[in-house]
């Protein structure tokens, strides 16, 4: 039980860090807005898929995947919203 909690915590930190770094890359001009939005949508879809498999009781994912999938959807959605609201990237100023 403790090992699965630690693995889940590490996965949540990794997802949050990944989206934060990708958002930073967009805001500094290294990644275009369209690419950043596509990655955010992909994150939301992936999170929804993981959550659905957890709810369905899939053997591969298990019930611990439900919080991970929800967190992935929220992190990707927030990153996508911030990218969408950013006026321009750093390279175009």
PDB file of N, CA and C in Angstrom:
ATOM      1  N   UNK A   1       0.823  -1.193   0.000  1.00  0.00           N
ATOM      2  CA  UNK A   1       0.000   0.000   0.000  1.00  0.00           C
ATOM      3  C   UNK A   1       0.866   1.255   0.000  1.00  0.00           C
ATOM      4  N   UNK A   2       1.874   1.285   0.853  1.00  0.00           N
ATOM      5  CA  UNK A   2       2.743   2.452   0.937  1.00  0.00           C
ATOM      6  C   UNK A   2       3.522   2.654  -0.360  1.00  0.00           C
ATOM      7  N   UNK A   3       3.936   1.564  -0.971  1.00  0.00           N
ATOM      8  CA  UNK A   3       4.681   1.675  -2.227  1.00  0.00           C
ATOM      9  C   UNK A   3       3.806   2.262  -3.324  1.00  0.00           C
ATOM     10  N   UNK A   4       2.542   1.862  -3.409  1.00  0.00           N
ATOM     11  CA  UNK A   4       1.658   2.409  -4.439  1.00  0.00           C
ATOM     12  C   UNK A   4       1.385   3.888  -4.198  1.00  0.00           C
ATOM     13  N   UNK A   5       1.306   4.312  -2.934  1.00  0.00           N
ATOM     14  CA  UNK A   5       1.111   5.735  -2.632  1.00  0.00           C
ATOM     15  C   UNK A   5       2.342   6.531  -3.050  1.00  0.00           C
ATOM     16  N   UNK A   6       3.524   6.009  -2.766  1.00  0.00           N
ATOM     17  CA  UNK A   6       4.751   6.710  -3.154  1.00  0.00           C
ATOM     18  C   UNK A   6       4.915   6.782  -4.668  1.00  0.00           C
ATOM     19  N   UNK A   7       4.558   5.703  -5.353  1.00  0.00           N
ATOM     20  CA  UNK A   7       4.619   5.717  -6.819  1.00  0.00           C
ATOM     21  C   UNK A   7       3.620   6.726  -7.379  1.00  0.00           C
ATOM     22  N   UNK A   8       2.419   6.766  -6.822  1.00  0.00           N
ATOM     23  CA  UNK A   8       1.424   7.739  -7.261  1.00  0.00           C
ATOM     24  C   UNK A   8       1.869   9.161  -7.012  1.00  0.00           C
ATOM     25  N   UNK A   9       2.483   9.427  -5.860  1.00  0.00           N
ATOM     26  CA  UNK A   9       2.977  10.771  -5.561  1.00  0.00           C
ATOM     27  C   UNK A   9       4.085  11.177  -6.527  1.00  0.00           C
ATOM     28  N   UNK A  10       4.973  10.251  -6.839  1.00  0.00           N
ATOM     29  CA  UNK A  10       6.039  10.543  -7.804  1.00  0.00           C
ATOM     30  C   UNK A  10       5.464  10.815  -9.192  1.00  0.00           C
ATOM     31  N   UNK A  11       4.442  10.073  -9.570  1.00  0.00           N
ATOM     32  CA  UNK A  11       3.806  10.299 -10.874  1.00  0.00           C
ATOM     33  C   UNK A  11       3.123  11.655 -10.923  1.00  0.00           C
ATOM     34  N   UNK A  12       2.466  12.053  -9.841  1.00  0.00           N
ATOM     35  CA  UNK A  12       1.809  13.357  -9.813  1.00  0.00           C
ATOM     36  C   UNK A  12       2.819  14.492  -9.903  1.00  0.00           C
ATOM     37  N   UNK A  13       3.923  14.365  -9.208  1.00  0.00           N
ATOM     38  CA  UNK A  13       4.968  15.387  -9.288  1.00  0.00           C
ATOM     39  C   UNK A  13       5.549  15.447 -10.696  1.00  0.00           C
ATOM     40  N   UNK A  14       5.746  14.307 -11.315  1.00  0.00           N
ATOM     41  CA  UNK A  14       6.293  14.268 -12.674  1.00  0.00           C
ATOM     42  C   UNK A  14       5.348  14.923 -13.675  1.00  0.00           C
ATOM     43  N   UNK A  15       4.055  14.649 -13.556  1.00  0.00           N
ATOM     44  CA  UNK A  15       3.078  15.262 -14.467  1.00  0.00           C
ATOM     45  C   UNK A  15       3.039  16.770 -14.283  1.00  0.00           C
ATOM     46  N   UNK A  16       3.002  17.217 -13.051  1.00  0.00           N
ATOM     47  CA  UNK A  16       2.947  18.650 -12.765  1.00  0.00           C
ATOM     48  C   UNK A  16       4.202  19.347 -13.282  1.00  0.00           C
ATOM     49  N   UNK A  17       5.361  18.752 -13.067  1.00  0.00           N
ATOM     50  CA  UNK A  17       6.611  19.331 -13.529  1.00  0.00           C
ATOM     51  C   UNK A  17       6.677  19.366 -15.045  1.00  0.00           C
ATOM     52  N   UNK A  18       6.203  18.323 -15.689  1.00  0.00           N
ATOM     53  CA  UNK A  18       6.213  18.259 -17.151  1.00  0.00           C
ATOM     54  C   UNK A  18       5.377  19.380 -17.757  1.00  0.00           C
ATOM     55  N   UNK A  19       4.147  19.553 -17.255  1.00  0.00           N
ATOM     56  CA  UNK A  19       3.299  20.605 -17.799  1.00  0.00           C
ATOM     57  C   UNK A  19       3.817  21.991 -17.454  1.00  0.00           C
ATOM     58  N   UNK A  20       4.433  22.155 -16.300  1.00  0.00           N
ATOM     59  CA  UNK A  20       5.012  23.443 -15.939  1.00  0.00           C
ATOM     60  C   UNK A  20       6.167  23.805 -16.863  1.00  0.00           C
ATOM     61  N   UNK A  21       7.029  22.840 -17.134  1.00  0.00           N
ATOM     62  CA  UNK A  21       8.150  23.100 -18.037  1.00  0.00           C
ATOM     63  C   UNK A  21       7.679  23.373 -19.459  1.00  0.00           C
ATOM     64  N   UNK A  22       6.644  22.666 -19.893  1.00  0.00           N
ATOM     65  CA  UNK A  22       6.123  22.888 -21.240  1.00  0.00           C
ATOM     66  C   UNK A  22       5.474  24.270 -21.344  1.00  0.00           C
ATOM     67  N   UNK A  23       4.763  24.688 -20.303  1.00  0.00           N
ATOM     68  CA  UNK A  23       4.174  26.026 -20.286  1.00  0.00           C
ATOM     69  C   UNK A  23       5.267  27.086 -20.294  1.00  0.00           C
ATOM     70  N   UNK A  24       6.326  26.873 -19.540  1.00  0.00           N
ATOM     71  CA  UNK A  24       7.454  27.801 -19.530  1.00  0.00           C
ATOM     72  C   UNK A  24       8.092  27.889 -20.912  1.00  0.00           C
ATOM     73  N   UNK A  25       8.228  26.750 -21.586  1.00  0.00           N
ATOM     74  CA  UNK A  25       8.801  26.743 -22.932  1.00  0.00           C
ATOM     75  C   UNK A  25       7.927  27.536 -23.893  1.00  0.00           C
ATOM     76  N   UNK A  26       6.619  27.465 -23.740  1.00  0.00           N
ATOM     77  CA  UNK A  26       5.739  28.249 -24.606  1.00  0.00           C
ATOM     78  C   UNK A  26       5.881  29.733 -24.307  1.00  0.00           C
ATOM     79  N   UNK A  27       5.896  30.084 -23.040  1.00  0.00           N
ATOM     80  CA  UNK A  27       5.942  31.501 -22.679  1.00  0.00           C
ATOM     81  C   UNK A  27       7.273  32.148 -23.036  1.00  0.00           C
ATOM     82  N   UNK A  28       8.335  31.381 -23.137  1.00  0.00           N
ATOM     83  CA  UNK A  28       9.622  31.940 -23.545  1.00  0.00           C
ATOM     84  C   UNK A  28       9.826  31.893 -25.055  1.00  0.00           C
ATOM     85  N   UNK A  29       8.892  31.328 -25.784  1.00  0.00           N
ATOM     86  CA  UNK A  29       8.965  31.354 -27.237  1.00  0.00           C
ATOM     87  C   UNK A  29       9.595  30.139 -27.881  1.00  0.00           C
ATOM     88  N   UNK A  30       9.857  29.106 -27.147  1.00  0.00           N
ATOM     89  CA  UNK A  30      10.486  27.911 -27.719  1.00  0.00           C
ATOM     90  C   UNK A  30       9.470  26.942 -28.325  1.00  0.00           C
ATOM     91  N   UNK A  31       8.219  27.068 -27.945  1.00  0.00           N
ATOM     92  CA  UNK A  31       7.161  26.192 -28.445  1.00  0.00           C
ATOM     93  C   UNK A  31       6.008  27.078 -28.914  1.00  0.00           C
ATOM     94  N   UNK A  32       5.446  26.763 -30.066  1.00  0.00           N
ATOM     95  CA  UNK A  32       4.331  27.561 -30.587  1.00  0.00           C
ATOM     96  C   UNK A  32       3.046  27.270 -29.839  1.00  0.00           C
ATOM     97  N   UNK A  33       2.107  28.196 -29.930  1.00  0.00           N
ATOM     98  CA  UNK A  33       0.838  28.085 -29.211  1.00  0.00           C
ATOM     99  C   UNK A  33       0.049  26.856 -29.661  1.00  0.00           C
ATOM    100  N   UNK A  34      -0.016  26.598 -30.946  1.00  0.00           N
ATOM    101  CA  UNK A  34      -0.763  25.454 -31.456  1.00  0.00           C
ATOM    102  C   UNK A  34      -0.220  24.135 -30.935  1.00  0.00           C
ATOM    103  N   UNK A  35       1.095  24.025 -30.895  1.00  0.00           N
ATOM    104  CA  UNK A  35       1.715  22.806 -30.369  1.00  0.00           C
ATOM    105  C   UNK A  35       1.412  22.649 -28.889  1.00  0.00           C
ATOM    106  N   UNK A  36       1.515  23.728 -28.136  1.00  0.00           N
ATOM    107  CA  UNK A  36       1.239  23.668 -26.699  1.00  0.00           C
ATOM    108  C   UNK A  36      -0.213  23.287 -26.431  1.00  0.00           C
ATOM    109  N   UNK A  37      -1.140  23.815 -27.229  1.00  0.00           N
ATOM    110  CA  UNK A  37      -2.551  23.470 -27.051  1.00  0.00           C
ATOM    111  C   UNK A  37      -2.819  22.014 -27.420  1.00  0.00           C
ATOM    112  N   UNK A  38      -2.158  21.510 -28.459  1.00  0.00           N
ATOM    113  CA  UNK A  38      -2.327  20.098 -28.833  1.00  0.00           C
ATOM    114  C   UNK A  38      -1.827  19.172 -27.729  1.00  0.00           C
ATOM    115  N   UNK A  39      -0.701  19.511 -27.125  1.00  0.00           N
ATOM    116  CA  UNK A  39      -0.176  18.689 -26.038  1.00  0.00           C
ATOM    117  C   UNK A  39      -1.116  18.730 -24.837  1.00  0.00           C
ATOM    118  N   UNK A  40      -1.699  19.879 -24.562  1.00  0.00           N
ATOM    119  CA  UNK A  40      -2.652  19.983 -23.453  1.00  0.00           C
ATOM    120  C   UNK A  40      -3.896  19.140 -23.708  1.00  0.00           C
ATOM    121  N   UNK A  41      -4.412  19.180 -24.920  1.00  0.00           N
ATOM    122  CA  UNK A  41      -5.577  18.364 -25.261  1.00  0.00           C
ATOM    123  C   UNK A  41      -5.226  16.877 -25.162  1.00  0.00           C
ATOM    124  N   UNK A  42      -4.041  16.520 -25.609  1.00  0.00           N
ATOM    125  CA  UNK A  42      -3.591  15.131 -25.495  1.00  0.00           C
ATOM    126  C   UNK A  42      -3.510  14.701 -24.028  1.00  0.00           C
ATOM    127  N   UNK A  43      -3.045  15.599 -23.162  1.00  0.00           N
ATOM    128  CA  UNK A  43      -2.993  15.291 -21.735  1.00  0.00           C
ATOM    129  C   UNK A  43      -4.367  15.090 -21.134  1.00  0.00           C
ATOM    130  N   UNK A  44      -5.334  15.915 -21.543  1.00  0.00           N
ATOM    131  CA  UNK A  44      -6.702  15.766 -21.046  1.00  0.00           C
ATOM    132  C   UNK A  44      -7.294  14.434 -21.513  1.00  0.00           C
ATOM    133  N   UNK A  45      -7.094  14.106 -22.774  1.00  0.00           N
ATOM    134  CA  UNK A  45      -7.621  12.846 -23.316  1.00  0.00           C
ATOM    135  C   UNK A  45      -6.957  11.649 -22.641  1.00  0.00           C
ATOM    136  N   UNK A  46      -5.652  11.716 -22.442  1.00  0.00           N
ATOM    137  CA  UNK A  46      -4.947  10.626 -21.778  1.00  0.00           C
ATOM    138  C   UNK A  46      -5.424  10.465 -20.329  1.00  0.00           C
ATOM    139  N   UNK A  47      -5.623  11.587 -19.643  1.00  0.00           N
ATOM    140  CA  UNK A  47      -6.136  11.523 -18.273  1.00  0.00           C
ATOM    141  C   UNK A  47      -7.531  10.937 -18.212  1.00  0.00           C
ATOM    142  N   UNK A  48      -8.382  11.309 -19.170  1.00  0.00           N
ATOM    143  CA  UNK A  48      -9.733  10.754 -19.202  1.00  0.00           C
ATOM    144  C   UNK A  48      -9.704   9.253 -19.478  1.00  0.00           C
ATOM    145  N   UNK A  49      -8.800   8.825 -20.343  1.00  0.00           N
ATOM    146  CA  UNK A  49      -8.685   7.398 -20.644  1.00  0.00           C
ATOM    147  C   UNK A  49      -8.213   6.610 -19.429  1.00  0.00           C
ATOM    148  N   UNK A  50      -7.211   7.132 -18.735  1.00  0.00           N
ATOM    149  CA  UNK A  50      -6.699   6.453 -17.533  1.00  0.00           C
ATOM    150  C   UNK A  50      -7.777   6.389 -16.462  1.00  0.00           C
ATOM    151  N   UNK A  51      -8.523   7.480 -16.291  1.00  0.00           N
ATOM    152  CA  UNK A  51      -9.599   7.498 -15.303  1.00  0.00           C
ATOM    153  C   UNK A  51     -10.703   6.513 -15.672  1.00  0.00           C
ATOM    154  N   UNK A  52     -11.067   6.465 -16.934  1.00  0.00           N
ATOM    155  CA  UNK A  52     -12.117   5.543 -17.370  1.00  0.00           C
ATOM    156  C   UNK A  52     -11.697   4.090 -17.157  1.00  0.00           C
ATOM    157  N   UNK A  53     -10.435   3.780 -17.451  1.00  0.00           N
ATOM    158  CA  UNK A  53      -9.959   2.412 -17.219  1.00  0.00           C
ATOM    159  C   UNK A  53      -9.937   2.087 -15.730  1.00  0.00           C
ATOM    160  N   UNK A  54      -9.613   3.066 -14.895  1.00  0.00           N
ATOM    161  CA  UNK A  54      -9.640   2.836 -13.454  1.00  0.00           C
ATOM    162  C   UNK A  54     -11.039   2.610 -12.935  1.00  0.00           C
ATOM    163  N   UNK A  55     -12.006   3.372 -13.454  1.00  0.00           N
ATOM    164  CA  UNK A  55     -13.404   3.213 -13.043  1.00  0.00           C
ATOM    165  C   UNK A  55     -13.943   1.870 -13.509  1.00  0.00           C
ATOM    166  N   UNK A  56     -13.539   1.460 -14.714  1.00  0.00           N
ATOM    167  CA  UNK A  56     -14.010   0.187 -15.250  1.00  0.00           C
ATOM    168  C   UNK A  56     -13.366  -1.017 -14.562  1.00  0.00           C
ATOM    169  N   UNK A  57     -12.337  -0.765 -13.766  1.00  0.00           N
ATOM    170  CA  UNK A  57     -11.701  -1.864 -13.048  1.00  0.00           C
ATOM    171  C   UNK A  57     -10.703  -2.636 -13.879  1.00  0.00           C
ATOM    172  N   UNK A  58     -10.035  -1.962 -14.776  1.00  0.00           N
ATOM    173  CA  UNK A  58      -9.049  -2.622 -15.618  1.00  0.00           C
ATOM    174  C   UNK A  58      -7.914  -3.185 -14.773  1.00  0.00           C
ATOM    175  N   UNK A  59      -7.478  -4.374 -15.122  1.00  0.00           N
ATOM    176  CA  UNK A  59      -6.397  -5.028 -14.385  1.00  0.00           C
ATOM    177  C   UNK A  59      -5.087  -4.279 -14.577  1.00  0.00           C
ATOM    178  N   UNK A  60      -4.883  -3.727 -15.760  1.00  0.00           N
ATOM    179  CA  UNK A  60      -3.617  -3.062 -16.056  1.00  0.00           C
ATOM    180  C   UNK A  60      -3.447  -1.778 -15.257  1.00  0.00           C
ATOM    181  N   UNK A  61      -4.532  -1.046 -15.015  1.00  0.00           N
ATOM    182  CA  UNK A  61      -4.410   0.248 -14.350  1.00  0.00           C
ATOM    183  C   UNK A  61      -4.773   0.180 -12.871  1.00  0.00           C
ATOM    184  N   UNK A  62      -5.871  -0.443 -12.537  1.00  0.00           N
ATOM    185  CA  UNK A  62      -6.284  -0.565 -11.145  1.00  0.00           C
ATOM    186  C   UNK A  62      -6.952   0.693 -10.608  1.00  0.00           C
ATOM    187  N   UNK A  63      -7.484   0.623  -9.400  1.00  0.00           N
ATOM    188  CA  UNK A  63      -8.211   1.765  -8.847  1.00  0.00           C
ATOM    189  C   UNK A  63      -7.320   2.947  -8.487  1.00  0.00           C
ATOM    190  N   UNK A  64      -6.011   2.740  -8.340  1.00  0.00           N
ATOM    191  CA  UNK A  64      -5.111   3.859  -8.023  1.00  0.00           C
ATOM    192  C   UNK A  64      -4.937   4.798  -9.198  1.00  0.00           C
ATOM    193  N   UNK A  65      -5.389   4.402 -10.382  1.00  0.00           N
ATOM    194  CA  UNK A  65      -5.219   5.255 -11.548  1.00  0.00           C
ATOM    195  C   UNK A  65      -6.282   6.341 -11.623  1.00  0.00           C
ATOM    196  N   UNK A  66      -7.353   6.228 -10.864  1.00  0.00           N
ATOM    197  CA  UNK A  66      -8.414   7.239 -10.922  1.00  0.00           C
ATOM    198  C   UNK A  66      -7.901   8.606 -10.464  1.00  0.00           C
ATOM    199  N   UNK A  67      -7.265   8.726  -9.292  1.00  0.00           N
ATOM    200  CA  UNK A  67      -6.752  10.046  -8.908  1.00  0.00           C
ATOM    201  C   UNK A  67      -5.664  10.554  -9.847  1.00  0.00           C
ATOM    202  N   UNK A  68      -4.827   9.649 -10.356  1.00  0.00           N
ATOM    203  CA  UNK A  68      -3.783  10.068 -11.290  1.00  0.00           C
ATOM    204  C   UNK A  68      -4.391  10.613 -12.576  1.00  0.00           C
ATOM    205  N   UNK A  69      -5.403   9.938 -13.103  1.00  0.00           N
ATOM    206  CA  UNK A  69      -6.055  10.416 -14.327  1.00  0.00           C
ATOM    207  C   UNK A  69      -6.748  11.748 -14.131  1.00  0.00           C
ATOM    208  N   UNK A  70      -7.400  11.926 -12.993  1.00  0.00           N
ATOM    209  CA  UNK A  70      -8.066  13.202 -12.717  1.00  0.00           C
ATOM    210  C   UNK A  70      -7.034  14.309 -12.587  1.00  0.00           C
ATOM    211  N   UNK A  71      -5.939  14.040 -11.892  1.00  0.00           N
ATOM    212  CA  UNK A  71      -4.894  15.053 -11.754  1.00  0.00           C
ATOM    213  C   UNK A  71      -4.290  15.389 -13.105  1.00  0.00           C
ATOM    214  N   UNK A  72      -4.095  14.400 -13.946  1.00  0.00           N
ATOM    215  CA  UNK A  72      -3.559  14.641 -15.283  1.00  0.00           C
ATOM    216  C   UNK A  72      -4.501  15.521 -16.094  1.00  0.00           C
ATOM    217  N   UNK A  73      -5.806  15.257 -16.010  1.00  0.00           N
ATOM    218  CA  UNK A  73      -6.773  16.093 -16.729  1.00  0.00           C
ATOM    219  C   UNK A  73      -6.750  17.530 -16.216  1.00  0.00           C
ATOM    220  N   UNK A  74      -6.696  17.696 -14.902  1.00  0.00           N
ATOM    221  CA  UNK A  74      -6.694  19.047 -14.329  1.00  0.00           C
ATOM    222  C   UNK A  74      -5.412  19.800 -14.696  1.00  0.00           C
ATOM    223  N   UNK A  75      -4.263  19.146 -14.565  1.00  0.00           N
ATOM    224  CA  UNK A  75      -2.992  19.800 -14.891  1.00  0.00           C
ATOM    225  C   UNK A  75      -2.924  20.181 -16.364  1.00  0.00           C
ATOM    226  N   UNK A  76      -3.357  19.287 -17.239  1.00  0.00           N
ATOM    227  CA  UNK A  76      -3.340  19.580 -18.671  1.00  0.00           C
ATOM    228  C   UNK A  76      -4.342  20.671 -19.017  1.00  0.00           C
ATOM    229  N   UNK A  77      -5.497  20.653 -18.377  1.00  0.00           N
ATOM    230  CA  UNK A  77      -6.494  21.691 -18.625  1.00  0.00           C
ATOM    231  C   UNK A  77      -6.028  23.059 -18.177  1.00  0.00           C
ATOM    232  N   UNK A  78      -5.406  23.135 -17.015  1.00  0.00           N
ATOM    233  CA  UNK A  78      -4.889  24.418 -16.523  1.00  0.00           C
ATOM    234  C   UNK A  78      -3.760  24.915 -17.420  1.00  0.00           C
ATOM    235  N   UNK A  79      -2.864  24.037 -17.813  1.00  0.00           N
ATOM    236  CA  UNK A  79      -1.779  24.436 -18.712  1.00  0.00           C
ATOM    237  C   UNK A  79      -2.337  24.919 -20.050  1.00  0.00           C
ATOM    238  N   UNK A  80      -3.334  24.225 -20.590  1.00  0.00           N
ATOM    239  CA  UNK A  80      -3.950  24.652 -21.839  1.00  0.00           C
ATOM    240  C   UNK A  80      -4.649  25.993 -21.712  1.00  0.00           C
ATOM    241  N   UNK A  81      -5.324  26.213 -20.594  1.00  0.00           N
ATOM    242  CA  UNK A  81      -5.994  27.489 -20.360  1.00  0.00           C
ATOM    243  C   UNK A  81      -4.985  28.623 -20.265  1.00  0.00           C
ATOM    244  N   UNK A  82      -3.880  28.396 -19.585  1.00  0.00           N
ATOM    245  CA  UNK A  82      -2.850  29.429 -19.474  1.00  0.00           C
ATOM    246  C   UNK A  82      -2.185  29.710 -20.808  1.00  0.00           C
ATOM    247  N   UNK A  83      -1.954  28.670 -21.597  1.00  0.00           N
ATOM    248  CA  UNK A  83      -1.377  28.867 -22.933  1.00  0.00           C
ATOM    249  C   UNK A  83      -2.352  29.642 -23.807  1.00  0.00           C
ATOM    250  N   UNK A  84      -3.627  29.323 -23.719  1.00  0.00           N
ATOM    251  CA  UNK A  84      -4.634  29.993 -24.540  1.00  0.00           C
ATOM    252  C   UNK A  84      -4.749  31.474 -24.175  1.00  0.00           C
ATOM    253  N   UNK A  85      -4.613  31.780 -22.880  1.00  0.00           N
ATOM    254  CA  UNK A  85      -4.763  33.165 -22.444  1.00  0.00           C
ATOM    255  C   UNK A  85      -3.483  33.984 -22.579  1.00  0.00           C
ATOM    256  N   UNK A  86      -2.349  33.337 -22.801  1.00  0.00           N
ATOM    257  CA  UNK A  86      -1.094  34.071 -22.960  1.00  0.00           C
ATOM    258  C   UNK A  86      -1.168  34.896 -24.237  1.00  0.00           C
ATOM    259  N   UNK A  87      -0.880  36.187 -24.159  1.00  0.00           N
ATOM    260  CA  UNK A  87      -1.041  37.037 -25.350  1.00  0.00           C
ATOM    261  C   UNK A  87      -0.106  36.652 -26.486  1.00  0.00           C
ATOM    262  N   UNK A  88       1.179  36.584 -26.224  1.00  0.00           N
ATOM    263  CA  UNK A  88       2.144  36.162 -27.215  1.00  0.00           C
ATOM    264  C   UNK A  88       3.283  35.469 -26.511  1.00  0.00           C
ATOM    265  N   UNK A  89       4.054  34.698 -27.258  1.00  0.00           N
ATOM    266  CA  UNK A  89       5.219  34.055 -26.651  1.00  0.00           C
ATOM    267  C   UNK A  89       6.361  35.053 -26.610  1.00  0.00           C
ATOM    268  N   UNK A  90       7.430  34.716 -25.898  1.00  0.00           N
ATOM    269  CA  UNK A  90       8.552  35.620 -25.724  1.00  0.00           C
ATOM    270  C   UNK A  90       9.309  35.930 -27.003  1.00  0.00           C
ATOM    271  N   UNK A  91       9.289  35.051 -27.995  1.00  0.00           N
ATOM    272  CA  UNK A  91      10.050  35.245 -29.216  1.00  0.00           C
ATOM    273  C   UNK A  91       9.413  36.291 -30.125  1.00  0.00           C
ATOM    274  N   UNK A  92       8.130  36.536 -30.007  1.00  0.00           N
ATOM    275  CA  UNK A  92       7.447  37.449 -30.925  1.00  0.00           C
ATOM    276  C   UNK A  92       7.392  38.886 -30.410  1.00  0.00           C
ATOM    277  N   UNK A  93       7.881  39.149 -29.245  1.00  0.00           N
ATOM    278  CA  UNK A  93       7.786  40.508 -28.672  1.00  0.00           C
ATOM    279  C   UNK A  93       8.783  41.438 -29.243  1.00  0.00           C
TER     280      UNK A  93
END
